[in-house]
Protein backbone atom coordinates (compact mmCIF):
# COMPACT_ATOMS: atom_id res chain seq x y z
CA MET A 1 0.00 0.00 0.00
CA ILE A 2 1.40 3.40 -1.08
CA ASN A 3 1.76 6.10 1.66
CA ASN A 4 0.48 9.43 0.32
CA ASN A 5 2.51 11.39 2.94
CA SER A 6 5.95 10.02 1.97
CA PRO A 7 8.87 12.50 1.94
CA LYS A 8 9.56 12.03 -1.75
CA ARG A 9 5.99 12.91 -2.64
CA ARG A 10 6.17 16.11 -0.57
CA VAL A 11 9.39 17.12 -2.37
CA TYR A 12 7.72 16.66 -5.72
CA VAL A 13 4.77 18.74 -4.59
CA PHE A 14 7.07 21.62 -3.41
CA TYR A 15 9.03 21.39 -6.64
CA ILE A 16 5.86 21.67 -8.74
CA LEU A 17 4.61 24.58 -6.57
CA GLY A 18 7.97 26.36 -7.02
CA ILE A 19 7.76 26.00 -10.75
CA LEU A 20 4.20 27.32 -10.79
CA LEU A 21 5.22 30.28 -8.53
CA SER A 22 8.18 31.14 -10.75
CA ALA A 23 6.02 30.95 -13.82
CA THR A 24 3.40 33.13 -12.20
CA VAL A 25 6.00 35.77 -11.13
CA LEU A 26 7.58 35.72 -14.60
CA THR A 27 4.17 36.18 -16.24
CA VAL A 28 3.30 39.04 -13.90
CA ASP A 29 6.79 40.65 -14.48
CA ILE A 30 6.35 40.45 -18.22
CA PHE A 31 2.89 42.00 -18.16
CA SER A 32 3.99 44.65 -15.60
CA ASP A 33 6.94 45.84 -17.75
CA LYS A 34 9.49 44.07 -15.47
CA SER A 35 8.57 46.16 -12.41
CA VAL A 36 8.84 43.11 -10.14
CA SER A 37 12.39 42.20 -11.25
CA THR A 38 13.49 45.86 -10.95
CA TYR A 39 12.09 46.06 -7.42
CA LEU A 40 13.85 42.86 -6.35
CA SER A 41 17.13 44.02 -7.93
CA ASN A 42 17.05 47.31 -6.00
CA LYS A 43 16.36 45.51 -2.73
CA LEU A 44 19.24 43.11 -3.30
CA SER A 45 21.64 45.95 -4.19
CA VAL A 46 20.92 47.62 -0.86
CA LEU A 47 21.71 44.45 1.05
CA SER A 48 24.88 43.66 -0.92
CA PRO A 49 28.20 45.39 0.03
CA THR A 50 29.32 48.43 -2.03
CA PRO A 51 32.14 47.52 -4.41
CA LEU A 52 35.43 49.39 -3.96
CA VAL A 53 36.33 51.71 -6.81
CA SER A 54 40.09 51.55 -7.26
CA SER A 55 40.32 55.08 -8.62
CA ASN A 56 38.84 56.51 -5.41
CA PHE A 57 40.73 54.32 -3.00
CA ARG A 58 44.27 55.00 -1.71
CA PHE A 59 46.26 52.86 0.62
CA PRO A 60 47.21 54.66 3.84
CA GLU A 61 50.76 53.39 3.41
CA ILE A 62 51.13 55.26 0.12
CA GLU A 63 50.02 58.50 1.77
CA ILE A 64 52.54 57.96 4.58
CA PHE A 65 55.39 57.34 2.12
CA LYS A 66 54.42 60.44 0.18
CA SER A 67 54.42 62.57 3.35
CA LYS A 68 57.86 61.26 4.36
CA SER A 69 59.21 61.98 0.89
CA ASN A 70 57.88 65.55 1.03
CA LEU A 71 59.48 66.06 4.45
CA ILE A 72 62.85 64.77 3.22
CA ASN A 73 62.74 67.01 0.16
CA GLU A 74 61.81 70.00 2.31
CA ASN A 75 64.69 69.29 4.72
CA ILE A 76 67.13 69.08 1.81
CA ARG A 77 65.83 72.38 0.42
CA LEU A 78 66.17 74.09 3.81
CA LYS A 79 69.71 72.75 4.30
CA ASN A 80 70.72 74.07 0.87
CA GLU A 81 69.27 77.46 1.73
CA VAL A 82 71.23 77.53 5.00
CA ILE A 83 74.45 76.66 3.14
CA GLU A 84 73.83 79.43 0.60
CA LEU A 85 73.10 81.93 3.38
CA ARG A 86 76.36 80.98 5.12
CA LYS A 87 78.26 81.47 1.85
CA LEU A 88 76.69 84.89 1.40
CA LYS A 89 77.58 85.82 4.97
CA VAL A 90 81.23 84.84 4.42
CA GLU A 91 81.33 86.78 1.14
CA ASN A 92 79.75 89.82 2.80
CA GLU A 93 82.27 89.71 5.65
CA LYS A 94 85.11 89.41 3.15
CA LEU A 95 83.80 92.37 1.13
CA LYS A 96 83.32 94.37 4.32
CA ILE A 97 86.92 93.79 5.40
CA GLU A 98 88.16 94.57 1.89
CA ASN A 99 86.14 97.78 1.73
CA GLU A 100 87.47 98.90 5.11
CA ALA A 101 91.02 98.20 3.91
CA ASN A 102 90.39 100.19 0.74
CA LYS A 103 89.01 103.11 2.72
CA PHE A 104 92.12 103.09 4.92
CA VAL A 105 94.47 103.09 1.94
CA VAL A 106 92.59 105.90 0.23
CA LYS A 107 92.66 107.87 3.49
CA GLU A 108 96.42 107.41 3.92
CA VAL A 109 97.27 108.00 0.26
CA ASP A 110 96.37 111.27 -1.39
CA SER A 111 94.21 110.08 -4.29
CA SER A 112 94.42 113.54 -5.86
CA ILE A 113 98.12 112.92 -6.49
CA TYR A 114 98.25 109.16 -7.00
CA ASP A 115 96.28 106.59 -8.91
CA ILE A 116 95.62 103.59 -6.70
CA PHE A 117 95.03 100.22 -8.37
CA GLU A 118 93.95 97.22 -6.39
CA SER A 119 95.65 94.08 -7.66
CA SER A 120 95.85 90.37 -6.93
CA ILE A 121 98.47 87.64 -6.97
CA ILE A 122 98.32 85.42 -10.04
CA PHE A 123 101.40 83.26 -9.68
CA LYS A 124 104.52 82.85 -7.55
CA THR A 125 107.76 82.35 -9.48
CA LEU A 126 110.61 80.01 -8.60
CA THR A 127 112.66 83.04 -7.51
CA ASN A 128 110.03 84.03 -4.90
CA GLN A 129 108.70 86.87 -7.01
CA TYR A 130 105.02 87.36 -7.74
CA ILE A 131 103.16 87.90 -10.97
CA ILE A 132 100.24 90.27 -10.44
CA SER A 133 97.44 91.61 -12.60
CA GLY A 134 98.03 95.00 -14.22
CA GLY A 135 100.88 96.24 -16.37
CA GLU A 136 101.26 98.50 -19.40
CA ASN A 137 97.47 98.64 -19.63
CA LEU A 138 97.57 100.62 -16.35
CA ASN A 139 100.60 102.63 -17.44
CA LEU A 140 102.73 101.00 -14.75
CA SER A 141 106.51 101.12 -14.84
CA GLU A 142 109.50 99.71 -12.98
CA LYS A 143 110.05 100.95 -9.42
CA ASP A 144 106.37 101.68 -8.96
CA LEU A 145 105.45 100.84 -5.40
CA VAL A 146 103.31 98.01 -4.04
CA ILE A 147 101.71 98.77 -0.68
CA ASN A 148 99.55 96.83 1.79
CA ASP A 149 96.40 97.78 3.70
CA ASN A 150 98.42 100.01 6.06
CA SER A 151 100.07 101.87 3.18
CA TYR A 152 103.46 100.33 4.00
CA VAL A 153 105.68 99.45 1.08
CA VAL A 154 105.88 95.67 0.69
CA GLY A 155 107.36 95.47 -2.78
CA VAL A 156 108.33 97.19 -6.00
CA ILE A 157 107.54 96.40 -9.61
CA SER A 158 110.60 94.91 -11.23
CA GLU A 159 109.22 94.09 -14.67
CA VAL A 160 106.16 95.28 -16.63
CA ARG A 161 104.28 93.44 -19.37
CA GLN A 162 101.05 94.11 -21.25
CA ASP A 163 98.57 93.22 -18.52
CA ARG A 164 100.89 91.59 -15.99
CA SER A 165 103.75 92.75 -13.81
CA ILE A 166 106.43 91.03 -11.76
CA VAL A 167 106.75 92.23 -8.18
CA SER A 168 109.72 91.78 -5.88
CA THR A 169 108.45 91.80 -2.29
CA ILE A 170 110.21 92.14 1.04
CA LEU A 171 109.96 88.35 1.31
CA ASN A 172 112.31 87.98 -1.65
CA PRO A 173 115.94 87.31 -0.55
CA SER A 174 117.19 89.61 -3.30
CA PHE A 175 114.82 92.46 -2.40
CA SER A 176 116.34 95.90 -1.88
CA ILE A 177 115.00 99.43 -1.80
CA GLU A 178 116.37 102.89 -1.03
CA GLY A 179 114.88 105.02 1.72
CA ILE A 180 115.24 108.25 3.64
CA ASP A 181 114.48 109.36 7.22
CA LYS A 182 113.18 112.66 8.60
CA TYR A 183 116.75 113.97 8.98
CA GLY A 184 117.58 113.37 5.33
CA ASN A 185 119.76 110.32 6.03
CA GLU A 186 119.70 107.88 3.14
CA TYR A 187 119.49 104.09 3.51
CA LEU A 188 119.56 100.84 1.63
CA ILE A 189 117.10 98.29 2.98
CA THR A 190 117.63 94.64 2.05
CA SER A 191 115.99 91.34 2.95
CA ASP A 192 116.88 87.71 3.54
CA SER A 193 113.15 86.77 3.46
CA LYS A 194 112.99 86.66 7.28
CA ASN A 195 114.54 89.97 8.33
CA LEU A 196 114.97 93.46 6.93
CA TYR A 197 118.44 95.00 7.24
CA VAL A 198 118.73 98.77 7.39
CA ASN A 199 122.09 100.33 6.50
CA SER A 200 122.71 104.03 5.98
CA THR A 201 124.47 105.05 2.78
CA ASN A 202 124.60 108.80 3.30
CA LEU A 203 124.54 110.08 6.87
CA LYS A 204 123.74 113.74 7.48
CA GLU A 205 122.84 113.59 11.16
CA GLU A 206 123.63 110.91 13.72
CA ASN A 207 120.41 110.29 15.59
CA THR A 208 118.73 107.07 16.63
CA ASP A 209 115.28 108.72 16.89
CA ILE A 210 114.57 108.18 13.23
CA LYS A 211 111.36 106.12 13.61
CA TYR A 212 110.21 105.78 9.98
CA ILE A 213 112.23 105.23 6.83
CA TYR A 214 110.36 106.31 3.69
CA THR A 215 110.57 106.01 -0.05
CA ASP A 216 111.36 109.27 -1.84
CA ILE A 217 111.26 110.86 -5.29
CA THR A 218 115.03 111.19 -4.98
CA PHE A 219 115.21 107.46 -5.73
CA GLY A 220 112.65 107.56 -8.54
CA HIS A 221 109.74 106.62 -6.30
CA PRO A 222 106.35 108.31 -6.73
CA GLY A 223 106.45 109.81 -3.23
CA GLN A 224 107.09 109.19 0.45
CA PHE A 225 105.60 105.98 1.85
CA PRO A 226 106.80 104.13 4.97
CA ILE A 227 109.01 101.08 4.49
CA VAL A 228 109.88 100.26 8.10
CA ASP A 229 108.96 101.58 11.53
CA LEU A 230 112.00 101.42 13.82
CA SER A 231 110.21 102.85 16.89
CA SER A 232 110.53 99.57 18.81
CA THR A 233 113.70 98.35 17.08
CA SER A 234 117.24 98.74 18.34
CA VAL A 235 119.08 101.30 16.18
CA ASN A 236 122.87 101.33 16.24
CA ILE A 237 125.30 104.08 15.33
CA ALA A 238 128.96 103.18 14.75
CA ASN A 239 131.70 104.32 12.42
CA ASN A 240 129.48 107.11 11.04
CA LYS A 241 126.84 104.60 10.04
CA ILE A 242 123.33 103.74 11.24
CA THR A 243 122.25 100.12 11.19
CA ALA A 244 119.20 98.19 12.33
CA GLU A 245 117.65 94.77 11.91
CA GLN A 246 113.92 94.07 11.98
CA GLU A 247 112.01 90.82 11.73
CA ILE A 248 109.51 90.66 8.86
CA ASP A 249 105.95 90.23 10.11
CA PHE A 250 104.40 90.55 6.67
CA ASN A 251 102.91 87.60 4.80
CA ILE A 252 101.50 87.47 1.31
CA ASN A 253 99.23 84.96 -0.41
CA TYR A 254 96.69 84.74 -3.20
CA PHE A 255 94.06 86.41 -1.01
CA SER A 256 96.19 89.35 0.14
CA ASN A 257 95.06 92.90 -0.54
CA ILE A 258 97.82 94.70 -2.40
CA TYR A 259 97.74 98.08 -4.12
CA LEU A 260 99.75 99.63 -6.91
CA LEU A 261 100.67 103.32 -6.82
CA LYS A 262 101.12 105.49 -9.85
CA THR A 263 101.70 109.24 -9.93
CA LYS A 264 98.99 111.02 -11.93
């Protein structure tokens, strides 16, 4: 005897009912211009998670890396600015010192009588002479004086070329220059590169209070400029001759301020 309530029979009944329901819904959807399927689709879209759009999504790690990169670049820029500012400060200090030195030279030297040319060291020769900028183009000539910031004579021009000159300084072992003191005594001043040796060549008055020895037009120089200051140096008088020895405290290099004098 067949049991009408068997599980298999109930499955078949539900299956048939499902088919009939689907067919009914499909028929209604077709005749209702698919309003039922549209409604169900909207409901399902609300329940489903929103998809991620890659163009609008950024990983936090990428933002962090970008921020670090910007900070590094900014630090580098600031460091470069600091370096440039330090360079400008050094240059300004150098120009300030140079301008002060120029003012002092102009003050000590009568610019209405002399042309003053600032020059620079170009090369040092094997004979301890220096090649400087400026020559025939500045109307320079031999025996023109080279002075330092304090207007002391530190060299003479020994050879002139078109735009260069050779200078023999007091640091040159063969350096020599004539000078005169306030009493009219004449001297020859020589060097061994470490000391200056003062020896009178024409003595008119024996006196140790001579203080300065100057250049003079008598020797073909453009005027009177101090060569040595013997105020704190021992001056000797013997056998109708004045002598003195003074250590050289002058140094010259490629950054030294030197000036050329030329009578107008």
